[in-house]
Amino acid sequence: MRLLVQLTSPSPASETPTAPSVTFTLDGETVEVADDGISLLEALRDLLGKKTPKDGCSPQGQCGCCTVWVDDAARVACVTPVRRVAGRRVTTLDGLDPAERRRWAEAFTATGASQCGFCTPGIIMRLAALGRRKPVVDEGDVRTALLAHLCRCTGWCSVLEAARRAYQTTAVPPDAPRDLVAAARRAGIEGATDQSVGPHVALGGGGFAEDTAPADALVAVPDGHGGWVVAESLAGARARAGKVQGRNSTVAVGHPLAVAPGPWDLELRTTFTEPGYLEPDASWCEPGGTAASPLANGGAFGGKRASPVTDAARRLADEYGRCVRVVMAREDVVGTRPKRPPMAAGVGHDGRGVVRVARTPGSGTLDDWVGALRQVLPEVTVEEVVVPGPPVDGGLRGAGWVEATVLAAALDARRGGRVGPGQEVTVVSRQGGRVTAAVAADGAVTLRVAAGTVLDEVVLRSYAVGAAHQALGWVRSEGVAVDPDGAVVDLTIRSFGTRRARYRPTVVVVGVFDGGPRVAAAAAVGGGGPAAAWLAAGLPPDWPVDRGGR
């Protein structure tokens, strides 16, 4: 069977030269596509309708979400020109042997290794290729393979567990029956949005806007000046917008605020940090319709709560009289979407002090950040300081409350002489979730969690471990560099400082207690985890404390 797909040009046909074609085998079928410089990922998703490879870095070759096989070798499709696969075999997750695909999907579901499900199709393709290449795969092999990937949600522990399970050559005992409806309810509590749980999620079927948009929709991308460029295809829109590939700079992560003078027992400065969700903002809308949510199967840690893509999709669909799909590239997300507000805090033994929080030009009010902080530290004076920088948002997950909780826990530990590795921190979240966290000298994390009726232990543990992983990253390695004018200068997805699989610590959830109102375990870990990590590091005054150790 041959399938010929031509990329529709936004220019008159008489002005557009005929592009050469490329023929290759895709999931067992011969296909032919026009090649006018597009990537394999653009060909797969926009011309051939293959949605399991995801576009997470747009294209930087850094997140691994678009991993496919080319002649049975794992390769990231976003930086592979489609002409490079001429005459070759390309396999997506859709083309994997059904039994093998089912084995991996069930392993990821059984271990909680897939939350939103955006990164997992690429990870599965990488690990399945590894398993075919090596008859015996150890954890070191898996960690090395995962260096090509990022996962923001899970903290890697469950991914490694899923790999061990999928690689088992002996029969795996059947799992105890799980209520996946109850599991989805627990995931919704943890992610603060409706979510789905099951093998279809691990296979990339989380309902992402970029996957569900009609194939004939116009495509709009940011023009770099606050507007949108519209074309018949994503490649055409990006070309018209003059999209420039994001790069890293040599600029160090800095701290925009100084601690106020005072006789403080505890000081802490933080920097601009990126929410770090892997699925870039996207939406689509029919004329007169309701725009698709950019959230899909995850909450984006609060980072998409005011995303511009829905309003743009609705307005442009009405303007053009056609369905319009709005897509932000990774560079757009890093350069323009809100960051966590930096702060500089000095606190005395009596809980009094001064906390300075950074507000940047064009950012909204930080009243929610200040209010959350004062719930924990009512005696501090809060000063908003306007500094150059990207937009900040005080409504990101736990913002204000987490910072205050960390300061209060550290101040209490310092009073009691309990600073150093292994010191326990007990935190109760605003919703009532409770965690006791400790971080050992080798980075191992222990959590005792109480979050009401469990509903599904696999999901609860997955979110608790993921929150601990993010907590360690925030304290140790995460930050976004900006220039003196406040522009973000590191525009790649790896510039966030997100901790990779090789540096994954062991996270053990030693107790998940039943009973009581259902609340989010991750919210409590989000406060207790950073406090325990900071104590283990000895309370240095600047975060991140070990940028080079990511």
Protein backbone atom coordinates (compact mmCIF):
# COMPACT_ATOMS: atom_id res chain seq x y z
CA MET A 1 0.00 0.00 0.00
CA ARG A 2 1.33 3.49 -0.91
CA LEU A 3 0.13 6.71 0.71
CA LEU A 4 1.10 10.00 -0.97
CA VAL A 5 0.78 13.13 1.18
CA GLN A 6 1.51 16.64 -0.11
CA LEU A 7 2.16 19.48 2.29
CA THR A 8 -0.38 22.20 1.52
CA SER A 9 1.38 25.49 0.76
CA PRO A 10 0.12 28.85 2.04
CA SER A 11 1.36 30.44 -1.22
CA PRO A 12 -0.15 30.16 -4.73
CA ALA A 13 0.86 26.93 -6.44
CA SER A 14 2.47 28.85 -9.28
CA GLU A 15 4.94 30.41 -6.84
CA THR A 16 5.83 27.20 -5.07
CA PRO A 17 8.31 24.76 -6.65
CA THR A 18 7.39 21.09 -6.45
CA ALA A 19 9.17 19.48 -3.50
CA PRO A 20 10.95 16.16 -3.98
CA SER A 21 9.31 13.13 -2.42
CA VAL A 22 10.67 10.65 0.09
CA THR A 23 9.53 7.05 0.27
CA PHE A 24 9.98 4.84 3.32
CA THR A 25 8.25 2.06 5.23
CA LEU A 26 6.16 3.20 8.19
CA ASP A 27 4.79 0.59 10.59
CA GLY A 28 4.82 -1.99 7.79
CA GLU A 29 3.30 0.20 5.04
CA THR A 30 5.09 2.03 2.24
CA VAL A 31 4.47 5.77 2.39
CA GLU A 32 5.61 8.72 0.30
CA VAL A 33 5.75 12.31 1.53
CA ALA A 34 6.80 15.59 0.00
CA ASP A 35 10.08 16.83 1.44
CA ASP A 36 10.61 20.57 1.59
CA GLY A 37 13.02 20.42 4.51
CA ILE A 38 10.68 19.01 7.14
CA SER A 39 11.71 16.73 9.98
CA LEU A 40 10.66 13.13 10.37
CA LEU A 41 8.49 14.19 13.32
CA GLU A 42 6.63 16.76 11.21
CA ALA A 43 6.08 14.14 8.54
CA LEU A 44 4.82 11.57 11.05
CA ARG A 45 2.48 13.84 12.98
CA ASP A 46 1.26 16.39 10.44
CA LEU A 47 1.32 14.43 7.19
CA LEU A 48 0.83 10.82 8.23
CA GLY A 49 -1.36 11.19 11.33
CA LYS A 50 0.93 9.34 13.74
CA LYS A 51 0.31 10.90 17.14
CA THR A 52 2.24 8.62 19.50
CA PRO A 53 5.54 10.46 18.88
CA LYS A 54 5.14 13.70 20.87
CA ASP A 55 6.63 17.13 20.22
CA GLY A 56 8.03 18.26 23.56
CA CYS A 57 11.04 20.37 22.63
CA SER A 58 10.04 21.71 19.25
CA PRO A 59 12.63 20.54 17.94
CA GLN A 60 15.72 20.50 20.15
CA GLY A 61 16.39 16.76 20.30
CA GLN A 62 16.46 16.98 24.09
CA CYS A 63 13.31 15.51 25.63
CA GLY A 64 13.04 12.12 23.89
CA CYS A 65 9.25 12.32 23.57
CA CYS A 66 9.40 11.81 19.79
CA THR A 67 11.55 8.66 19.88
CA VAL A 68 10.84 6.13 17.11
CA TRP A 69 12.85 3.35 15.51
CA VAL A 70 14.73 3.78 12.25
CA ASP A 71 15.75 0.31 11.09
CA ASP A 72 15.12 -0.91 14.68
CA ALA A 73 17.45 1.69 16.27
CA ALA A 74 15.92 4.30 18.60
CA ARG A 75 16.14 7.82 17.21
CA VAL A 76 14.58 11.19 18.08
CA ALA A 77 12.43 12.15 15.12
CA CYS A 78 12.36 15.92 15.67
CA VAL A 79 15.99 16.44 14.59
CA THR A 80 16.00 13.74 11.92
CA PRO A 81 15.38 15.23 8.45
CA VAL A 82 12.77 13.15 6.68
CA ARG A 83 15.13 12.72 3.73
CA ARG A 84 17.42 10.69 6.01
CA VAL A 85 14.88 7.86 6.22
CA ALA A 86 14.43 7.41 2.48
CA GLY A 87 14.19 3.68 1.73
CA ARG A 88 14.38 2.78 5.45
CA ARG A 89 12.00 1.29 8.01
CA VAL A 90 10.41 3.62 10.58
CA THR A 91 8.50 2.15 13.51
CA THR A 92 6.35 4.15 15.90
CA LEU A 93 4.71 2.85 19.05
CA ASP A 94 1.64 2.11 16.90
CA GLY A 95 3.72 -0.32 14.85
CA LEU A 96 5.27 -2.19 17.77
CA ASP A 97 4.27 -5.85 18.05
CA PRO A 98 0.87 -5.77 19.83
CA ALA A 99 1.96 -8.21 22.55
CA GLU A 100 5.13 -6.20 23.20
CA ARG A 101 3.21 -2.93 23.22
CA ARG A 102 0.69 -4.38 25.67
CA ARG A 103 3.45 -5.71 27.95
CA TRP A 104 5.07 -2.28 28.21
CA ALA A 105 1.78 -0.45 28.68
CA GLU A 106 0.71 -2.81 31.45
CA ALA A 107 4.11 -2.52 33.17
CA PHE A 108 3.91 1.28 33.15
CA THR A 109 0.36 1.18 34.46
CA ALA A 110 1.09 -1.36 37.17
CA THR A 111 3.98 0.67 38.60
CA GLY A 112 2.56 4.18 38.20
CA ALA A 113 5.27 5.03 35.66
CA SER A 114 2.89 7.09 33.55
CA GLN A 115 0.99 10.06 34.93
CA CYS A 116 0.10 12.52 32.15
CA GLY A 117 1.48 10.05 29.58
CA PHE A 118 3.16 12.61 27.34
CA CYS A 119 6.73 11.33 27.66
CA THR A 120 6.02 7.61 27.97
CA PRO A 121 5.60 6.59 24.30
CA GLY A 122 9.14 7.76 23.58
CA ILE A 123 10.50 6.11 26.71
CA ILE A 124 8.81 2.83 25.85
CA MET A 125 10.27 2.88 22.34
CA ARG A 126 13.77 3.54 23.74
CA LEU A 127 13.55 0.78 26.34
CA ALA A 128 11.96 -1.71 23.96
CA ALA A 129 14.84 -1.14 21.52
CA LEU A 130 17.32 -1.67 24.36
CA GLY A 131 15.64 -4.96 25.25
CA ARG A 132 15.91 -6.21 21.71
CA ARG A 133 19.57 -5.26 21.50
CA LYS A 134 20.65 -6.78 24.82
CA PRO A 135 19.45 -10.16 26.07
CA VAL A 136 20.11 -9.11 29.68
CA VAL A 137 19.41 -5.52 30.69
CA ASP A 138 20.48 -4.16 34.08
CA GLU A 139 19.50 -0.93 35.82
CA GLY A 140 22.67 0.81 34.66
CA ASP A 141 21.72 0.08 31.06
CA VAL A 142 18.27 1.57 31.64
CA ARG A 143 19.59 4.70 33.31
CA THR A 144 22.04 5.26 30.47
CA ALA A 145 19.29 4.80 27.87
CA LEU A 146 17.07 7.27 29.74
CA LEU A 147 19.68 10.03 29.49
CA ALA A 148 18.03 10.84 26.17
CA HIS A 149 14.71 11.47 27.94
CA LEU A 150 13.03 13.81 30.39
CA CYS A 151 10.07 13.00 32.64
CA ARG A 152 8.80 15.74 34.92
CA CYS A 153 6.03 13.87 36.73
CA THR A 154 7.23 10.53 38.04
CA GLY A 155 10.71 10.97 39.51
CA TRP A 156 12.03 8.01 37.46
CA CYS A 157 11.67 5.42 40.25
CA SER A 158 8.48 3.96 38.80
CA VAL A 159 9.94 4.06 35.26
CA LEU A 160 12.84 1.89 36.40
CA GLU A 161 10.38 -0.44 38.13
CA ALA A 162 8.33 -0.67 34.93
CA ALA A 163 11.46 -1.52 32.94
CA ARG A 164 12.41 -4.32 35.35
CA ARG A 165 8.91 -5.70 35.08
CA ALA A 166 8.74 -5.53 31.28
CA TYR A 167 12.17 -7.12 30.84
CA GLN A 168 11.33 -10.14 33.03
CA THR A 169 11.71 -13.31 31.02
CA THR A 170 9.64 -15.38 33.43
CA ALA A 171 5.91 -15.03 33.82
CA VAL A 172 4.88 -12.12 36.03
CA PRO A 173 2.30 -13.03 38.69
CA PRO A 174 -1.03 -11.39 37.96
CA ASP A 175 -1.61 -8.09 39.71
CA ALA A 176 -4.28 -7.69 42.33
CA PRO A 177 -7.37 -6.23 40.68
CA ARG A 178 -7.29 -2.44 40.55
CA ASP A 179 -10.19 -0.06 40.24
CA LEU A 180 -8.91 2.29 37.53
CA VAL A 181 -11.85 4.61 38.07
CA ALA A 182 -10.74 5.04 41.68
CA ALA A 183 -7.16 5.40 40.45
CA ALA A 184 -8.25 8.22 38.16
CA ARG A 185 -10.01 9.91 41.09
CA ARG A 186 -6.77 9.80 43.11
CA ALA A 187 -4.83 11.14 40.10
CA GLY A 188 -7.34 13.97 39.78
CA ILE A 189 -6.86 14.87 43.45
CA GLU A 190 -3.08 14.88 43.06
CA GLY A 191 -3.01 16.73 39.74
CA ALA A 192 -5.82 19.16 40.61
CA THR A 193 -7.59 18.39 37.32
CA ASP A 194 -9.57 15.54 35.78
CA GLN A 195 -7.25 12.72 34.79
CA SER A 196 -7.34 9.25 33.29
CA VAL A 197 -5.38 6.15 34.35
CA GLY A 198 -4.77 3.00 32.32
CA PRO A 199 -2.63 1.41 29.60
CA HIS A 200 -3.97 3.86 27.00
CA VAL A 201 -2.31 6.71 28.92
CA ALA A 202 1.09 4.99 28.84
CA LEU A 203 0.62 4.63 25.09
CA GLY A 204 0.16 8.38 24.69
CA GLY A 205 -3.63 8.46 24.58
CA GLY A 206 -4.12 11.16 27.19
CA GLY A 207 -6.18 13.38 24.88
CA PHE A 208 -3.60 16.11 24.26
CA ALA A 209 -4.83 19.04 22.19
CA GLU A 210 -2.05 18.58 19.65
CA ASP A 211 -3.26 15.00 19.09
CA THR A 212 -6.97 15.73 18.79
CA ALA A 213 -6.96 18.75 16.44
CA PRO A 214 -8.59 18.13 13.03
CA ALA A 215 -6.04 17.35 10.32
CA ASP A 216 -7.24 20.21 8.09
CA ALA A 217 -6.96 22.91 10.76
CA LEU A 218 -4.96 26.03 10.10
CA VAL A 219 -1.93 26.35 12.38
CA ALA A 220 -1.01 29.45 14.39
CA VAL A 221 2.30 30.04 16.17
CA PRO A 222 3.63 33.06 18.11
CA ASP A 223 5.24 35.72 15.93
CA GLY A 224 7.65 36.84 18.67
CA HIS A 225 5.95 40.22 19.07
CA GLY A 226 2.79 39.30 20.92
CA GLY A 227 0.82 38.18 17.88
CA TRP A 228 0.30 35.03 15.83
CA VAL A 229 1.38 33.79 12.41
CA VAL A 230 -1.13 31.55 10.63
CA ALA A 231 -0.42 29.03 7.86
CA GLU A 232 -1.70 25.77 6.47
CA SER A 233 0.86 23.67 8.35
CA LEU A 234 3.03 23.79 11.46
CA ALA A 235 6.19 23.81 9.34
CA GLY A 236 4.81 26.66 7.23
CA ALA A 237 3.75 28.71 10.25
CA ARG A 238 7.12 28.32 11.94
CA ALA A 239 8.93 29.25 8.73
CA ARG A 240 6.79 32.38 8.32
CA ALA A 241 7.37 33.33 11.96
CA GLY A 242 11.12 33.01 11.50
CA LYS A 243 11.44 30.54 14.38
CA VAL A 244 15.01 30.41 15.66
CA GLN A 245 16.33 27.27 17.31
CA GLY A 246 16.77 27.74 21.06
CA ARG A 247 20.28 27.58 22.45
CA ASN A 248 21.99 27.61 25.83
CA SER A 249 24.17 30.51 26.93
CA THR A 250 27.13 30.79 29.27
CA VAL A 251 25.16 33.07 31.60
CA ALA A 252 25.05 31.74 35.16
CA VAL A 253 21.82 31.39 37.07
CA GLY A 254 21.58 34.46 39.30
CA HIS A 255 19.57 35.74 42.24
CA PRO A 256 17.76 38.97 41.43
CA LEU A 257 17.10 39.99 45.04
CA ALA A 258 19.35 40.69 48.02
CA VAL A 259 18.39 39.71 51.57
CA ALA A 260 17.33 42.71 53.63
CA PRO A 261 19.85 43.71 56.31
CA GLY A 262 19.07 42.27 59.71
CA PRO A 263 20.17 39.95 62.52
CA TRP A 264 18.80 36.86 60.82
CA ASP A 265 19.17 33.28 61.99
CA LEU A 266 18.21 31.99 58.55
CA GLU A 267 18.62 33.38 55.04
CA LEU A 268 17.42 32.02 51.70
CA ARG A 269 17.56 33.33 48.14
CA THR A 270 15.84 31.60 45.22
CA THR A 271 15.92 32.29 41.51
CA PHE A 272 13.58 32.15 38.53
CA THR A 273 12.43 28.56 38.08
CA GLU A 274 10.44 26.99 35.27
CA PRO A 275 7.33 24.85 35.95
CA GLY A 276 8.89 22.46 33.46
CA TYR A 277 5.84 20.70 32.05
CA LEU A 278 6.78 18.67 28.98
CA GLU A 279 3.75 19.28 26.75
CA PRO A 280 4.03 22.79 25.26
CA ASP A 281 0.87 24.91 25.37
CA ALA A 282 -1.54 24.03 22.56
CA SER A 283 -5.23 24.37 21.76
CA TRP A 284 -7.61 24.28 18.82
CA CYS A 285 -11.07 25.61 18.12
CA GLU A 286 -13.78 25.47 15.48
CA PRO A 287 -15.48 28.76 14.53
CA GLY A 288 -17.97 29.62 17.26
CA GLY A 289 -16.85 26.61 19.30
CA THR A 290 -15.12 25.98 22.62
CA ALA A 291 -11.35 25.88 22.55
CA ALA A 292 -9.64 22.62 23.54
CA SER A 293 -7.97 22.72 26.93
CA PRO A 294 -4.16 22.81 26.96
CA LEU A 295 -4.21 20.68 30.13
CA ALA A 296 -5.32 17.31 28.69
CA ASN A 297 -4.28 14.59 31.19
CA GLY A 298 -2.18 16.75 33.52
CA GLY A 299 -2.31 19.97 35.47
CA ALA A 300 1.06 21.39 34.29
CA PHE A 301 1.81 22.27 37.96
CA GLY A 302 -0.32 25.40 37.58
CA GLY A 303 1.83 26.63 34.70
CA LYS A 304 -1.01 26.70 32.15
CA ARG A 305 -3.72 28.25 34.27
CA ALA A 306 -3.61 31.48 32.20
CA SER A 307 -2.31 30.09 28.92
CA PRO A 308 -2.97 32.39 25.94
CA VAL A 309 -3.58 29.55 23.49
CA THR A 310 -7.30 29.05 24.18
CA ASP A 311 -8.27 32.68 23.62
CA ALA A 312 -6.07 32.81 20.52
CA ALA A 313 -7.61 29.64 19.07
CA ARG A 314 -11.14 30.91 19.62
CA ARG A 315 -10.45 34.37 18.17
CA LEU A 316 -8.49 33.12 15.15
CA ALA A 317 -11.08 30.44 14.32
CA ASP A 318 -13.78 33.11 14.19
CA GLU A 319 -11.53 35.43 12.19
CA TYR A 320 -10.56 32.85 9.54
CA GLY A 321 -13.84 30.93 9.53
CA ARG A 322 -11.92 27.67 9.88
CA CYS A 323 -10.67 25.45 12.66
CA VAL A 324 -7.40 26.86 13.98
CA ARG A 325 -4.78 24.96 15.96
CA VAL A 326 -2.53 27.13 18.15
CA VAL A 327 0.89 25.73 19.06
CA MET A 328 3.66 27.15 21.22
CA ALA A 329 7.21 25.92 20.67
CA ARG A 330 9.50 25.10 23.58
CA GLU A 331 11.33 28.40 23.05
CA ASP A 332 7.99 30.22 23.39
CA VAL A 333 7.21 28.42 26.63
CA VAL A 334 10.62 29.02 28.20
CA GLY A 335 10.89 32.62 27.03
CA THR A 336 7.38 33.91 27.74
CA ARG A 337 5.40 31.70 30.13
CA PRO A 338 5.42 32.53 33.87
CA LYS A 339 8.12 31.37 36.28
CA ARG A 340 8.07 30.87 40.02
CA PRO A 341 8.78 34.25 41.68
CA PRO A 342 12.29 34.53 43.16
CA MET A 343 12.57 35.60 46.77
CA ALA A 344 15.17 36.70 49.32
CA ALA A 345 14.27 35.97 52.93
CA GLY A 346 15.85 36.78 56.28
CA VAL A 347 14.15 35.36 59.38
CA GLY A 348 15.05 35.57 63.05
CA HIS A 349 14.61 32.95 65.76
CA ASP A 350 11.28 34.52 66.77
CA GLY A 351 9.80 34.10 63.30
CA ARG A 352 10.02 37.79 62.46
CA GLY A 353 11.86 38.90 59.39
CA VAL A 354 11.70 40.36 55.91
CA VAL A 355 10.80 38.41 52.78
CA ARG A 356 11.38 40.10 49.47
CA VAL A 357 9.58 38.69 46.43
CA ALA A 358 10.34 39.60 42.82
CA ARG A 359 7.66 40.94 40.53
CA THR A 360 8.60 41.61 36.92
CA PRO A 361 7.15 44.14 34.47
CA GLY A 362 3.99 42.80 32.90
CA SER A 363 3.33 40.26 35.67
CA GLY A 364 0.07 40.25 37.56
CA THR A 365 -0.45 40.70 41.25
CA LEU A 366 1.40 38.50 43.73
CA ASP A 367 -1.37 38.74 46.33
CA ASP A 368 -1.94 34.98 46.29
CA TRP A 369 1.80 34.33 46.86
CA VAL A 370 1.92 36.81 49.73
CA GLY A 371 -1.27 35.48 51.29
CA ALA A 372 -0.02 31.89 51.16
CA LEU A 373 3.30 32.90 52.73
CA ARG A 374 1.64 34.73 55.60
CA GLN A 375 -0.49 31.71 56.44
CA VAL A 376 2.72 30.09 57.68
CA LEU A 377 4.87 33.11 58.65
CA PRO A 378 2.39 35.73 59.89
CA GLU A 379 5.08 37.87 61.57
CA VAL A 380 7.23 38.57 58.53
CA THR A 381 7.21 41.75 56.50
CA VAL A 382 6.76 41.14 52.78
CA GLU A 383 8.26 43.51 50.23
CA GLU A 384 7.45 43.25 46.52
CA VAL A 385 10.43 44.37 44.45
CA VAL A 386 10.15 45.03 40.72
CA VAL A 387 13.10 43.52 38.84
CA PRO A 388 13.83 42.76 35.18
CA GLY A 389 12.84 39.25 34.24
CA PRO A 390 10.31 36.96 32.59
CA PRO A 391 6.71 36.94 33.80
CA VAL A 392 6.18 35.42 37.25
CA ASP A 393 3.04 33.83 38.66
CA GLY A 394 2.23 33.53 42.35
CA GLY A 395 -0.38 30.90 41.59
CA LEU A 396 1.98 28.13 40.49
CA ARG A 397 1.66 24.89 42.45
CA GLY A 398 2.30 25.64 46.14
CA ALA A 399 3.95 29.03 45.47
CA GLY A 400 4.35 31.11 48.61
CA TRP A 401 3.16 28.38 50.94
CA VAL A 402 6.05 26.07 50.04
CA GLU A 403 8.65 28.81 50.51
CA ALA A 404 7.18 29.74 53.89
CA THR A 405 6.91 26.10 54.97
CA VAL A 406 10.55 25.48 54.09
CA LEU A 407 11.65 28.53 56.09
CA ALA A 408 9.51 27.62 59.10
CA ALA A 409 10.68 23.98 59.13
CA ALA A 410 14.34 24.98 58.74
CA LEU A 411 14.08 27.60 61.49
CA ASP A 412 12.55 25.04 63.84
CA ALA A 413 15.28 22.51 63.01
CA ARG A 414 18.03 25.07 63.53
CA ARG A 415 16.62 25.97 66.94
CA GLY A 416 16.74 22.28 67.89
CA GLY A 417 20.16 21.59 66.38
CA ARG A 418 18.66 19.22 63.82
CA VAL A 419 20.49 20.31 60.68
CA GLY A 420 22.13 17.78 58.36
CA PRO A 421 21.36 14.59 56.43
CA GLY A 422 18.63 12.30 57.72
CA GLN A 423 16.76 14.93 59.73
CA GLU A 424 12.99 14.44 59.60
CA VAL A 425 10.59 17.21 58.68
CA THR A 426 6.85 16.89 59.24
CA VAL A 427 4.56 19.12 57.19
CA VAL A 428 0.80 19.43 56.94
CA SER A 429 -0.45 20.97 53.70
CA ARG A 430 -3.19 23.56 53.46
CA GLN A 431 -5.55 20.79 52.31
CA GLY A 432 -4.69 18.58 55.30
CA GLY A 433 -2.24 16.13 53.75
CA ARG A 434 0.62 15.14 56.02
CA VAL A 435 4.16 14.01 55.26
CA THR A 436 7.25 13.23 57.28
CA ALA A 437 10.25 13.50 54.97
CA ALA A 438 13.98 12.87 55.38
CA VAL A 439 16.87 13.04 52.92
CA ALA A 440 19.97 10.94 53.63
CA ALA A 441 23.57 11.87 52.85
CA ASP A 442 23.44 9.83 49.63
CA GLY A 443 20.28 11.64 48.53
CA ALA A 444 17.87 8.81 49.39
CA VAL A 445 14.45 10.11 50.38
CA THR A 446 12.06 8.55 52.87
CA LEU A 447 8.43 9.64 53.03
CA ARG A 448 5.62 8.79 55.44
CA VAL A 449 2.42 10.02 53.87
CA ALA A 450 -1.13 10.46 55.11
CA ALA A 451 -3.56 11.81 52.53
CA GLY A 452 -6.94 10.41 53.49
CA THR A 453 -8.61 7.49 51.77
CA VAL A 454 -6.01 6.07 49.42
CA LEU A 455 -8.33 5.04 46.54
CA ASP A 456 -5.33 3.64 44.64
CA GLU A 457 -1.95 3.12 46.30
CA VAL A 458 -0.02 2.89 43.01
CA VAL A 459 -1.13 6.34 41.91
CA LEU A 460 -0.67 7.90 45.34
CA ARG A 461 2.89 6.59 45.62
CA SER A 462 3.71 7.70 42.08
CA TYR A 463 2.66 11.28 42.79
CA ALA A 464 4.42 11.35 46.15
CA VAL A 465 7.66 10.13 44.59
CA GLY A 466 7.33 12.59 41.72
CA ALA A 467 6.81 15.48 44.13
CA ALA A 468 9.92 14.44 46.07
CA HIS A 469 11.93 14.36 42.83
CA GLN A 470 10.78 17.88 41.95
CA ALA A 471 11.58 19.06 45.49
CA LEU A 472 15.16 17.83 45.21
CA GLY A 473 15.52 19.45 41.81
CA TRP A 474 14.28 22.81 43.05
CA VAL A 475 16.72 22.84 45.97
CA ARG A 476 19.71 21.37 44.17
CA SER A 477 19.74 22.14 40.47
CA GLU A 478 16.81 24.05 38.96
CA GLY A 479 16.96 27.61 37.72
CA VAL A 480 16.56 29.77 34.62
CA ALA A 481 19.26 32.21 33.53
CA VAL A 482 18.26 35.73 32.41
CA ASP A 483 20.27 38.60 30.95
CA PRO A 484 20.54 42.10 32.52
CA ASP A 485 17.40 43.16 30.66
CA GLY A 486 15.47 40.25 32.13
CA ALA A 487 15.18 38.12 28.98
CA VAL A 488 15.54 34.36 29.38
CA VAL A 489 18.77 33.33 27.66
CA ASP A 490 18.71 29.54 28.06
CA LEU A 491 15.84 28.40 25.84
CA THR A 492 16.31 24.63 25.72
CA ILE A 493 14.33 22.15 27.74
CA ARG A 494 17.46 20.87 29.48
CA SER A 495 18.35 24.35 30.69
CA PHE A 496 15.78 24.10 33.51
CA GLY A 497 18.04 21.89 35.62
CA THR A 498 15.48 19.08 35.84
CA ARG A 499 17.18 16.08 37.39
CA ARG A 500 17.76 13.22 34.97
CA ALA A 501 17.43 9.48 35.49
CA ARG A 502 21.13 8.97 36.17
CA TYR A 503 20.89 11.24 39.22
CA ARG A 504 17.64 9.81 40.48
CA PRO A 505 17.80 9.10 44.21
CA THR A 506 15.96 6.27 45.86
CA VAL A 507 12.58 7.45 47.11
CA VAL A 508 10.82 5.15 49.55
CA VAL A 509 7.26 5.73 50.67
CA VAL A 510 7.19 3.75 53.92
CA GLY A 511 3.63 4.42 54.92
CA VAL A 512 0.42 5.35 53.12
CA PHE A 513 -2.35 5.64 55.66
CA ASP A 514 -6.05 5.18 55.05
CA GLY A 515 -9.05 7.05 56.37
CA GLY A 516 -10.08 10.67 56.51
CA PRO A 517 -10.82 13.21 53.80
CA ARG A 518 -9.12 12.63 50.45
CA VAL A 519 -6.40 15.21 49.92
CA ALA A 520 -3.31 15.49 47.76
CA ALA A 521 -0.21 13.73 49.07
CA ALA A 522 1.96 15.57 46.53
CA ALA A 523 0.99 18.95 48.03
CA ALA A 524 2.40 17.97 51.42
CA VAL A 525 5.53 16.41 49.88
CA GLY A 526 5.97 19.65 47.94
CA GLY A 527 6.61 21.41 51.24
CA GLY A 528 8.30 18.70 53.29
CA GLY A 529 10.57 17.49 50.51
CA PRO A 530 12.39 20.79 49.88
CA ALA A 531 12.74 21.41 53.62
CA ALA A 532 14.32 18.00 54.18
CA ALA A 533 16.62 18.45 51.17
CA TRP A 534 17.75 21.87 52.39
CA LEU A 535 18.46 20.52 55.89
CA ALA A 536 20.46 17.65 54.38
CA ALA A 537 22.56 20.19 52.45
CA GLY A 538 23.30 22.16 55.63
CA LEU A 539 21.04 25.18 54.90
CA PRO A 540 23.22 27.07 52.38
CA PRO A 541 21.63 30.47 51.70
CA ASP A 542 21.28 30.21 47.90
CA TRP A 543 19.26 27.77 45.81
CA PRO A 544 20.08 25.85 43.68
CA VAL A 545 22.84 24.50 45.92
CA ASP A 546 24.51 22.19 43.37
CA ARG A 547 23.71 23.36 39.85
CA GLY A 548 26.51 21.25 38.38
CA GLY A 549 25.26 18.01 39.94
CA ARG A 550 22.12 17.67 37.87
